[in-house]
């Protein structure tokens, strides 16, 4: 990878704290800045990629084509076992 030098103007106290942090973590200020920039730029790239995937999903259309007004509240909160019973996958419950 080709590198290039740049100059920063930072407050003296931040530089002092960065030197201490770097020494405690056996690294350099240069490596800390490089990692921070890579994480920042990479995170933005990942966010753009995720947004692109989300938009692609939206372009494919809805997965539910029924009338939302026809859904009963009870159906939304149906217990999985009762739902399987109503579909015939489980025997009905005998009630007294």
PDB file of N, CA and C in Angstrom:
ATOM      1  N   UNK A   1       0.849  -1.171   0.000  1.00  0.00           N
ATOM      2  CA  UNK A   1       0.000   0.000   0.000  1.00  0.00           C
ATOM      3  C   UNK A   1       0.897   1.237   0.000  1.00  0.00           C
ATOM      4  N   UNK A   2       0.586   2.141  -0.849  1.00  0.00           N
ATOM      5  CA  UNK A   2       1.338   3.389  -0.917  1.00  0.00           C
ATOM      6  C   UNK A   2       0.856   4.303   0.205  1.00  0.00           C
ATOM      7  N   UNK A   3       1.786   4.986   0.871  1.00  0.00           N
ATOM      8  CA  UNK A   3       1.414   5.891   1.961  1.00  0.00           C
ATOM      9  C   UNK A   3       1.808   7.318   1.609  1.00  0.00           C
ATOM     10  N   UNK A   4       1.242   8.236   2.385  1.00  0.00           N
ATOM     11  CA  UNK A   4       1.519   9.646   2.176  1.00  0.00           C
ATOM     12  C   UNK A   4       1.519  10.331   3.533  1.00  0.00           C
ATOM     13  N   UNK A   5       2.417  11.254   3.746  1.00  0.00           N
ATOM     14  CA  UNK A   5       2.483  11.979   5.012  1.00  0.00           C
ATOM     15  C   UNK A   5       1.488  13.126   5.037  1.00  0.00           C
ATOM     16  N   UNK A   6       0.861  13.322   6.217  1.00  0.00           N
ATOM     17  CA  UNK A   6      -0.017  14.476   6.422  1.00  0.00           C
ATOM     18  C   UNK A   6       0.326  15.079   7.777  1.00  0.00           C
ATOM     19  N   UNK A   7      -0.068  16.317   7.992  1.00  0.00           N
ATOM     20  CA  UNK A   7       0.215  17.014   9.242  1.00  0.00           C
ATOM     21  C   UNK A   7      -1.101  17.377   9.918  1.00  0.00           C
ATOM     22  N   UNK A   8      -1.151  17.160  11.231  1.00  0.00           N
ATOM     23  CA  UNK A   8      -2.325  17.520  12.028  1.00  0.00           C
ATOM     24  C   UNK A   8      -1.942  18.623  12.995  1.00  0.00           C
ATOM     25  N   UNK A   9      -2.873  19.491  13.282  1.00  0.00           N
ATOM     26  CA  UNK A   9      -2.729  20.474  14.351  1.00  0.00           C
ATOM     27  C   UNK A   9      -3.719  20.084  15.433  1.00  0.00           C
ATOM     28  N   UNK A  10      -3.183  19.577  16.551  1.00  0.00           N
ATOM     29  CA  UNK A  10      -4.035  19.115  17.646  1.00  0.00           C
ATOM     30  C   UNK A  10      -3.615  19.798  18.934  1.00  0.00           C
ATOM     31  N   UNK A  11      -4.548  19.929  19.873  1.00  0.00           N
ATOM     32  CA  UNK A  11      -4.188  20.502  21.170  1.00  0.00           C
ATOM     33  C   UNK A  11      -3.104  19.656  21.858  1.00  0.00           C
ATOM     34  N   UNK A  12      -2.221  20.338  22.559  1.00  0.00           N
ATOM     35  CA  UNK A  12      -1.098  19.685  23.228  1.00  0.00           C
ATOM     36  C   UNK A  12      -1.571  18.589  24.179  1.00  0.00           C
ATOM     37  N   UNK A  13      -2.638  18.818  24.894  1.00  0.00           N
ATOM     38  CA  UNK A  13      -3.135  17.833  25.874  1.00  0.00           C
ATOM     39  C   UNK A  13      -3.601  16.551  25.176  1.00  0.00           C
ATOM     40  N   UNK A  14      -4.246  16.671  24.034  1.00  0.00           N
ATOM     41  CA  UNK A  14      -4.682  15.479  23.291  1.00  0.00           C
ATOM     42  C   UNK A  14      -3.467  14.680  22.824  1.00  0.00           C
ATOM     43  N   UNK A  15      -2.450  15.371  22.356  1.00  0.00           N
ATOM     44  CA  UNK A  15      -1.236  14.683  21.909  1.00  0.00           C
ATOM     45  C   UNK A  15      -0.584  13.962  23.084  1.00  0.00           C
ATOM     46  N   UNK A  16      -0.522  14.636  24.247  1.00  0.00           N
ATOM     47  CA  UNK A  16       0.062  14.000  25.441  1.00  0.00           C
ATOM     48  C   UNK A  16      -0.711  12.743  25.823  1.00  0.00           C
ATOM     49  N   UNK A  17      -2.046  12.836  25.841  1.00  0.00           N
ATOM     50  CA  UNK A  17      -2.875  11.682  26.192  1.00  0.00           C
ATOM     51  C   UNK A  17      -2.739  10.573  25.152  1.00  0.00           C
ATOM     52  N   UNK A  18      -2.642  10.947  23.886  1.00  0.00           N
ATOM     53  CA  UNK A  18      -2.490   9.952  22.820  1.00  0.00           C
ATOM     54  C   UNK A  18      -1.164   9.212  22.949  1.00  0.00           C
ATOM     55  N   UNK A  19      -0.082   9.929  23.307  1.00  0.00           N
ATOM     56  CA  UNK A  19       1.227   9.290  23.495  1.00  0.00           C
ATOM     57  C   UNK A  19       1.179   8.293  24.645  1.00  0.00           C
ATOM     58  N   UNK A  20       0.543   8.687  25.730  1.00  0.00           N
ATOM     59  CA  UNK A  20       0.414   7.785  26.886  1.00  0.00           C
ATOM     60  C   UNK A  20      -0.398   6.552  26.500  1.00  0.00           C
ATOM     61  N   UNK A  21      -1.536   6.775  25.842  1.00  0.00           N
ATOM     62  CA  UNK A  21      -2.395   5.659  25.420  1.00  0.00           C
ATOM     63  C   UNK A  21      -1.634   4.718  24.487  1.00  0.00           C
ATOM     64  N   UNK A  22      -0.937   5.282  23.520  1.00  0.00           N
ATOM     65  CA  UNK A  22      -0.186   4.467  22.567  1.00  0.00           C
ATOM     66  C   UNK A  22       0.884   3.646  23.272  1.00  0.00           C
ATOM     67  N   UNK A  23       1.594   4.263  24.208  1.00  0.00           N
ATOM     68  CA  UNK A  23       2.639   3.540  24.943  1.00  0.00           C
ATOM     69  C   UNK A  23       2.041   2.413  25.781  1.00  0.00           C
ATOM     70  N   UNK A  24       0.908   2.671  26.415  1.00  0.00           N
ATOM     71  CA  UNK A  24       0.250   1.642  27.236  1.00  0.00           C
ATOM     72  C   UNK A  24      -0.262   0.482  26.394  1.00  0.00           C
ATOM     73  N   UNK A  25      -0.560   0.738  25.132  1.00  0.00           N
ATOM     74  CA  UNK A  25      -1.109  -0.297  24.252  1.00  0.00           C
ATOM     75  C   UNK A  25      -0.097  -0.780  23.212  1.00  0.00           C
ATOM     76  N   UNK A  26       1.163  -0.445  23.444  1.00  0.00           N
ATOM     77  CA  UNK A  26       2.264  -0.894  22.588  1.00  0.00           C
ATOM     78  C   UNK A  26       1.996  -0.611  21.111  1.00  0.00           C
ATOM     79  N   UNK A  27       1.648   0.631  20.838  1.00  0.00           N
ATOM     80  CA  UNK A  27       1.383   1.048  19.462  1.00  0.00           C
ATOM     81  C   UNK A  27       1.891   2.470  19.276  1.00  0.00           C
ATOM     82  N   UNK A  28       1.526   3.090  18.174  1.00  0.00           N
ATOM     83  CA  UNK A  28       1.936   4.466  17.892  1.00  0.00           C
ATOM     84  C   UNK A  28       0.719   5.332  17.632  1.00  0.00           C
ATOM     85  N   UNK A  29       0.929   6.643  17.726  1.00  0.00           N
ATOM     86  CA  UNK A  29      -0.160   7.561  17.401  1.00  0.00           C
ATOM     87  C   UNK A  29      -0.553   7.386  15.942  1.00  0.00           C
ATOM     88  N   UNK A  30       0.433   7.189  15.087  1.00  0.00           N
ATOM     89  CA  UNK A  30       0.169   6.971  13.664  1.00  0.00           C
ATOM     90  C   UNK A  30      -0.760   5.763  13.462  1.00  0.00           C
ATOM     91  N   UNK A  31      -0.476   4.669  14.161  1.00  0.00           N
ATOM     92  CA  UNK A  31      -1.307   3.468  14.037  1.00  0.00           C
ATOM     93  C   UNK A  31      -2.709   3.713  14.586  1.00  0.00           C
ATOM     94  N   UNK A  32      -2.817   4.477  15.674  1.00  0.00           N
ATOM     95  CA  UNK A  32      -4.136   4.792  16.240  1.00  0.00           C
ATOM     96  C   UNK A  32      -4.970   5.607  15.257  1.00  0.00           C
ATOM     97  N   UNK A  33      -4.357   6.620  14.645  1.00  0.00           N
ATOM     98  CA  UNK A  33      -5.078   7.458  13.683  1.00  0.00           C
ATOM     99  C   UNK A  33      -5.476   6.628  12.464  1.00  0.00           C
ATOM    100  N   UNK A  34      -4.552   5.785  11.982  1.00  0.00           N
ATOM    101  CA  UNK A  34      -4.841   4.937  10.816  1.00  0.00           C
ATOM    102  C   UNK A  34      -6.034   4.030  11.102  1.00  0.00           C
ATOM    103  N   UNK A  35      -6.032   3.391  12.275  1.00  0.00           N
ATOM    104  CA  UNK A  35      -7.125   2.481  12.635  1.00  0.00           C
ATOM    105  C   UNK A  35      -8.446   3.238  12.765  1.00  0.00           C
ATOM    106  N   UNK A  36      -8.403   4.417  13.380  1.00  0.00           N
ATOM    107  CA  UNK A  36      -9.612   5.228  13.530  1.00  0.00           C
ATOM    108  C   UNK A  36     -10.191   5.612  12.167  1.00  0.00           C
ATOM    109  N   UNK A  37      -9.318   6.040  11.257  1.00  0.00           N
ATOM    110  CA  UNK A  37      -9.785   6.420   9.923  1.00  0.00           C
ATOM    111  C   UNK A  37     -10.324   5.220   9.149  1.00  0.00           C
ATOM    112  N   UNK A  38      -9.642   4.090   9.262  1.00  0.00           N
ATOM    113  CA  UNK A  38     -10.122   2.889   8.563  1.00  0.00           C
ATOM    114  C   UNK A  38     -11.488   2.469   9.088  1.00  0.00           C
ATOM    115  N   UNK A  39     -11.669   2.505  10.416  1.00  0.00           N
ATOM    116  CA  UNK A  39     -12.965   2.149  11.002  1.00  0.00           C
ATOM    117  C   UNK A  39     -14.056   3.121  10.567  1.00  0.00           C
ATOM    118  N   UNK A  40     -13.720   4.408  10.545  1.00  0.00           N
ATOM    119  CA  UNK A  40     -14.705   5.423  10.170  1.00  0.00           C
ATOM    120  C   UNK A  40     -15.111   5.291   8.708  1.00  0.00           C
ATOM    121  N   UNK A  41     -14.136   5.221   7.844  1.00  0.00           N
ATOM    122  CA  UNK A  41     -14.416   5.119   6.414  1.00  0.00           C
ATOM    123  C   UNK A  41     -15.060   3.774   6.091  1.00  0.00           C
ATOM    124  N   UNK A  42     -14.561   2.705   6.689  1.00  0.00           N
ATOM    125  CA  UNK A  42     -15.130   1.372   6.459  1.00  0.00           C
ATOM    126  C   UNK A  42     -16.550   1.269   6.970  1.00  0.00           C
ATOM    127  N   UNK A  43     -16.827   1.908   8.116  1.00  0.00           N
ATOM    128  CA  UNK A  43     -18.183   1.883   8.672  1.00  0.00           C
ATOM    129  C   UNK A  43     -19.165   2.583   7.763  1.00  0.00           C
ATOM    130  N   UNK A  44     -18.745   3.690   7.190  1.00  0.00           N
ATOM    131  CA  UNK A  44     -19.610   4.417   6.267  1.00  0.00           C
ATOM    132  C   UNK A  44     -19.873   3.588   5.015  1.00  0.00           C
ATOM    133  N   UNK A  45     -18.833   2.910   4.559  1.00  0.00           N
ATOM    134  CA  UNK A  45     -18.971   2.051   3.384  1.00  0.00           C
ATOM    135  C   UNK A  45     -19.936   0.904   3.679  1.00  0.00           C
ATOM    136  N   UNK A  46     -19.820   0.313   4.868  1.00  0.00           N
ATOM    137  CA  UNK A  46     -20.734  -0.779   5.247  1.00  0.00           C
ATOM    138  C   UNK A  46     -22.164  -0.281   5.352  1.00  0.00           C
ATOM    139  N   UNK A  47     -22.335   0.936   5.885  1.00  0.00           N
ATOM    140  CA  UNK A  47     -23.685   1.501   6.009  1.00  0.00           C
ATOM    141  C   UNK A  47     -24.293   1.730   4.627  1.00  0.00           C
ATOM    142  N   UNK A  48     -23.482   2.248   3.684  1.00  0.00           N
ATOM    143  CA  UNK A  48     -23.982   2.445   2.321  1.00  0.00           C
ATOM    144  C   UNK A  48     -24.364   1.121   1.681  1.00  0.00           C
ATOM    145  N   UNK A  49     -23.542   0.105   1.920  1.00  0.00           N
ATOM    146  CA  UNK A  49     -23.810  -1.212   1.355  1.00  0.00           C
ATOM    147  C   UNK A  49     -25.112  -1.790   1.925  1.00  0.00           C
ATOM    148  N   UNK A  50     -25.294  -1.648   3.247  1.00  0.00           N
ATOM    149  CA  UNK A  50     -26.516  -2.147   3.881  1.00  0.00           C
ATOM    150  C   UNK A  50     -27.744  -1.400   3.364  1.00  0.00           C
ATOM    151  N   UNK A  51     -27.611  -0.084   3.184  1.00  0.00           N
ATOM    152  CA  UNK A  51     -28.733   0.695   2.652  1.00  0.00           C
ATOM    153  C   UNK A  51     -29.076   0.236   1.241  1.00  0.00           C
ATOM    154  N   UNK A  52     -28.062  -0.063   0.446  1.00  0.00           N
ATOM    155  CA  UNK A  52     -28.299  -0.571  -0.908  1.00  0.00           C
ATOM    156  C   UNK A  52     -29.036  -1.891  -0.893  1.00  0.00           C
ATOM    157  N   UNK A  53     -28.662  -2.781   0.028  1.00  0.00           N
ATOM    158  CA  UNK A  53     -29.354  -4.073   0.131  1.00  0.00           C
ATOM    159  C   UNK A  53     -30.805  -3.881   0.564  1.00  0.00           C
ATOM    160  N   UNK A  54     -31.027  -2.949   1.491  1.00  0.00           N
ATOM    161  CA  UNK A  54     -32.383  -2.671   1.954  1.00  0.00           C
ATOM    162  C   UNK A  54     -33.246  -2.120   0.825  1.00  0.00           C
ATOM    163  N   UNK A  55     -32.690  -1.205   0.042  1.00  0.00           N
ATOM    164  CA  UNK A  55     -33.443  -0.656  -1.090  1.00  0.00           C
ATOM    165  C   UNK A  55     -33.728  -1.727  -2.142  1.00  0.00           C
ATOM    166  N   UNK A  56     -32.785  -2.646  -2.343  1.00  0.00           N
ATOM    167  CA  UNK A  56     -33.009  -3.737  -3.293  1.00  0.00           C
ATOM    168  C   UNK A  56     -34.157  -4.623  -2.819  1.00  0.00           C
ATOM    169  N   UNK A  57     -34.215  -4.889  -1.506  1.00  0.00           N
ATOM    170  CA  UNK A  57     -35.337  -5.673  -0.962  1.00  0.00           C
ATOM    171  C   UNK A  57     -36.651  -4.941  -1.179  1.00  0.00           C
ATOM    172  N   UNK A  58     -36.657  -3.632  -0.961  1.00  0.00           N
ATOM    173  CA  UNK A  58     -37.883  -2.853  -1.130  1.00  0.00           C
ATOM    174  C   UNK A  58     -38.331  -2.856  -2.591  1.00  0.00           C
ATOM    175  N   UNK A  59     -37.379  -2.857  -3.514  1.00  0.00           N
ATOM    176  CA  UNK A  59     -37.728  -2.865  -4.939  1.00  0.00           C
ATOM    177  C   UNK A  59     -38.390  -4.166  -5.371  1.00  0.00           C
ATOM    178  N   UNK A  60     -38.105  -5.251  -4.664  1.00  0.00           N
ATOM    179  CA  UNK A  60     -38.685  -6.552  -5.045  1.00  0.00           C
ATOM    180  C   UNK A  60     -40.164  -6.646  -4.717  1.00  0.00           C
ATOM    181  N   UNK A  61     -40.672  -5.732  -3.913  1.00  0.00           N
ATOM    182  CA  UNK A  61     -42.107  -5.703  -3.646  1.00  0.00           C
ATOM    183  C   UNK A  61     -42.472  -6.305  -2.309  1.00  0.00           C
ATOM    184  N   UNK A  62     -43.733  -6.149  -1.950  1.00  0.00           N
ATOM    185  CA  UNK A  62     -44.190  -6.629  -0.643  1.00  0.00           C
ATOM    186  C   UNK A  62     -44.295  -8.156  -0.611  1.00  0.00           C
ATOM    187  N   UNK A  63     -44.119  -8.687   0.581  1.00  0.00           N
ATOM    188  CA  UNK A  63     -44.264 -10.134   0.759  1.00  0.00           C
ATOM    189  C   UNK A  63     -45.693 -10.490   1.134  1.00  0.00           C
ATOM    190  N   UNK A  64     -46.443  -9.514   1.580  1.00  0.00           N
ATOM    191  CA  UNK A  64     -47.827  -9.745   1.975  1.00  0.00           C
ATOM    192  C   UNK A  64     -48.717  -8.966   1.019  1.00  0.00           C
ATOM    193  N   UNK A  65     -49.543  -9.679   0.284  1.00  0.00           N
ATOM    194  CA  UNK A  65     -50.376  -9.005  -0.715  1.00  0.00           C
ATOM    195  C   UNK A  65     -51.843  -8.961  -0.312  1.00  0.00           C
ATOM    196  N   UNK A  66     -52.177  -9.505   0.867  1.00  0.00           N
ATOM    197  CA  UNK A  66     -53.564  -9.493   1.309  1.00  0.00           C
ATOM    198  C   UNK A  66     -53.983  -8.128   1.815  1.00  0.00           C
ATOM    199  N   UNK A  67     -55.227  -8.010   2.170  1.00  0.00           N
ATOM    200  CA  UNK A  67     -55.766  -6.759   2.697  1.00  0.00           C
ATOM    201  C   UNK A  67     -55.404  -6.646   4.169  1.00  0.00           C
ATOM    202  N   UNK A  68     -54.578  -5.678   4.560  1.00  0.00           N
ATOM    203  CA  UNK A  68     -54.193  -5.552   5.963  1.00  0.00           C
ATOM    204  C   UNK A  68     -55.388  -5.339   6.878  1.00  0.00           C
ATOM    205  N   UNK A  69     -56.456  -4.734   6.362  1.00  0.00           N
ATOM    206  CA  UNK A  69     -57.644  -4.515   7.176  1.00  0.00           C
ATOM    207  C   UNK A  69     -58.384  -5.795   7.504  1.00  0.00           C
ATOM    208  N   UNK A  70     -58.108  -6.889   6.777  1.00  0.00           N
ATOM    209  CA  UNK A  70     -58.790  -8.155   7.012  1.00  0.00           C
ATOM    210  C   UNK A  70     -58.142  -8.975   8.125  1.00  0.00           C
ATOM    211  N   UNK A  71     -57.004  -8.538   8.633  1.00  0.00           N
ATOM    212  CA  UNK A  71     -56.310  -9.284   9.688  1.00  0.00           C
ATOM    213  C   UNK A  71     -56.945  -8.942  11.028  1.00  0.00           C
ATOM    214  N   UNK A  72     -57.305  -9.989  11.775  1.00  0.00           N
ATOM    215  CA  UNK A  72     -57.884  -9.784  13.097  1.00  0.00           C
ATOM    216  C   UNK A  72     -56.765  -9.661  14.122  1.00  0.00           C
ATOM    217  N   UNK A  73     -56.986  -8.870  15.150  1.00  0.00           N
ATOM    218  CA  UNK A  73     -55.999  -8.708  16.218  1.00  0.00           C
ATOM    219  C   UNK A  73     -55.637 -10.049  16.834  1.00  0.00           C
ATOM    220  N   UNK A  74     -56.625 -10.907  17.012  1.00  0.00           N
ATOM    221  CA  UNK A  74     -56.392 -12.224  17.608  1.00  0.00           C
ATOM    222  C   UNK A  74     -55.437 -13.055  16.748  1.00  0.00           C
ATOM    223  N   UNK A  75     -55.537 -12.890  15.426  1.00  0.00           N
ATOM    224  CA  UNK A  75     -54.657 -13.636  14.533  1.00  0.00           C
ATOM    225  C   UNK A  75     -53.206 -13.195  14.673  1.00  0.00           C
ATOM    226  N   UNK A  76     -53.008 -11.913  14.917  1.00  0.00           N
ATOM    227  CA  UNK A  76     -51.650 -11.401  15.056  1.00  0.00           C
ATOM    228  C   UNK A  76     -50.969 -11.939  16.306  1.00  0.00           C
ATOM    229  N   UNK A  77     -51.753 -12.189  17.337  1.00  0.00           N
ATOM    230  CA  UNK A  77     -51.205 -12.631  18.613  1.00  0.00           C
ATOM    231  C   UNK A  77     -51.469 -14.106  18.881  1.00  0.00           C
ATOM    232  N   UNK A  78     -51.765 -14.836  17.850  1.00  0.00           N
ATOM    233  CA  UNK A  78     -52.083 -16.254  17.955  1.00  0.00           C
ATOM    234  C   UNK A  78     -50.876 -17.028  18.476  1.00  0.00           C
ATOM    235  N   UNK A  79     -51.096 -17.892  19.417  1.00  0.00           N
ATOM    236  CA  UNK A  79     -50.034 -18.748  19.948  1.00  0.00           C
ATOM    237  C   UNK A  79     -49.667 -19.787  18.883  1.00  0.00           C
ATOM    238  N   UNK A  80     -48.374 -20.098  18.707  1.00  0.00           N
ATOM    239  CA  UNK A  80     -47.964 -21.036  17.655  1.00  0.00           C
ATOM    240  C   UNK A  80     -48.671 -22.384  17.717  1.00  0.00           C
ATOM    241  N   UNK A  81     -48.905 -22.909  18.923  1.00  0.00           N
ATOM    242  CA  UNK A  81     -49.563 -24.218  19.029  1.00  0.00           C
ATOM    243  C   UNK A  81     -51.016 -24.128  18.567  1.00  0.00           C
ATOM    244  N   UNK A  82     -51.714 -23.051  18.958  1.00  0.00           N
ATOM    245  CA  UNK A  82     -53.102 -22.888  18.510  1.00  0.00           C
ATOM    246  C   UNK A  82     -53.162 -22.681  17.003  1.00  0.00           C
ATOM    247  N   UNK A  83     -52.162 -21.984  16.478  1.00  0.00           N
ATOM    248  CA  UNK A  83     -52.122 -21.753  15.046  1.00  0.00           C
ATOM    249  C   UNK A  83     -51.917 -23.072  14.305  1.00  0.00           C
ATOM    250  N   UNK A  84     -51.024 -23.929  14.812  1.00  0.00           N
ATOM    251  CA  UNK A  84     -50.798 -25.235  14.172  1.00  0.00           C
ATOM    252  C   UNK A  84     -52.036 -26.109  14.308  1.00  0.00           C
ATOM    253  N   UNK A  85     -52.744 -26.005  15.442  1.00  0.00           N
ATOM    254  CA  UNK A  85     -53.981 -26.779  15.604  1.00  0.00           C
ATOM    255  C   UNK A  85     -55.020 -26.326  14.583  1.00  0.00           C
ATOM    256  N   UNK A  86     -55.134 -25.019  14.412  1.00  0.00           N
ATOM    257  CA  UNK A  86     -56.145 -24.515  13.476  1.00  0.00           C
ATOM    258  C   UNK A  86     -55.801 -24.911  12.043  1.00  0.00           C
ATOM    259  N   UNK A  87     -54.534 -25.165  11.767  1.00  0.00           N
ATOM    260  CA  UNK A  87     -54.132 -25.603  10.430  1.00  0.00           C
ATOM    261  C   UNK A  87     -54.183 -27.124  10.309  1.00  0.00           C
ATOM    262  N   UNK A  88     -54.551 -27.832  11.413  1.00  0.00           N
ATOM    263  CA  UNK A  88     -54.671 -29.275  11.365  1.00  0.00           C
ATOM    264  C   UNK A  88     -53.374 -30.017  11.647  1.00  0.00           C
ATOM    265  N   UNK A  89     -52.335 -29.314  12.065  1.00  0.00           N
ATOM    266  CA  UNK A  89     -51.055 -29.971  12.330  1.00  0.00           C
ATOM    267  C   UNK A  89     -51.030 -30.629  13.700  1.00  0.00           C
ATOM    268  N   UNK A  90     -51.892 -30.180  14.621  1.00  0.00           N
ATOM    269  CA  UNK A  90     -51.964 -30.763  15.961  1.00  0.00           C
ATOM    270  C   UNK A  90     -53.421 -31.129  16.239  1.00  0.00           C
ATOM    271  N   UNK A  91     -53.641 -32.137  17.074  1.00  0.00           N
ATOM    272  CA  UNK A  91     -55.040 -32.496  17.404  1.00  0.00           C
ATOM    273  C   UNK A  91     -55.696 -31.371  18.200  1.00  0.00           C
ATOM    274  N   UNK A  92     -57.012 -31.192  18.058  1.00  0.00           N
ATOM    275  CA  UNK A  92     -57.699 -30.137  18.800  1.00  0.00           C
ATOM    276  C   UNK A  92     -57.675 -30.413  20.302  1.00  0.00           C
ATOM    277  N   UNK A  93     -57.815 -29.365  21.098  1.00  0.00           N
ATOM    278  CA  UNK A  93     -57.847 -29.488  22.560  1.00  0.00           C
ATOM    279  C   UNK A  93     -59.265 -29.826  22.973  1.00  0.00           C
ATOM    280  N   UNK A  94     -59.377 -30.820  23.823  1.00  0.00           N
ATOM    281  CA  UNK A  94     -60.686 -31.201  24.364  1.00  0.00           C
ATOM    282  C   UNK A  94     -60.990 -30.304  25.549  1.00  0.00           C
ATOM    283  N   UNK A  95     -62.074 -29.557  25.478  1.00  0.00           N
ATOM    284  CA  UNK A  95     -62.446 -28.670  26.576  1.00  0.00           C
ATOM    285  C   UNK A  95     -63.712 -29.187  27.224  1.00  0.00           C
ATOM    286  N   UNK A  96     -63.774 -29.064  28.556  1.00  0.00           N
ATOM    287  CA  UNK A  96     -64.958 -29.532  29.291  1.00  0.00           C
ATOM    288  C   UNK A  96     -65.968 -28.456  29.498  1.00  0.00           C
TER     289      UNK A  96
END
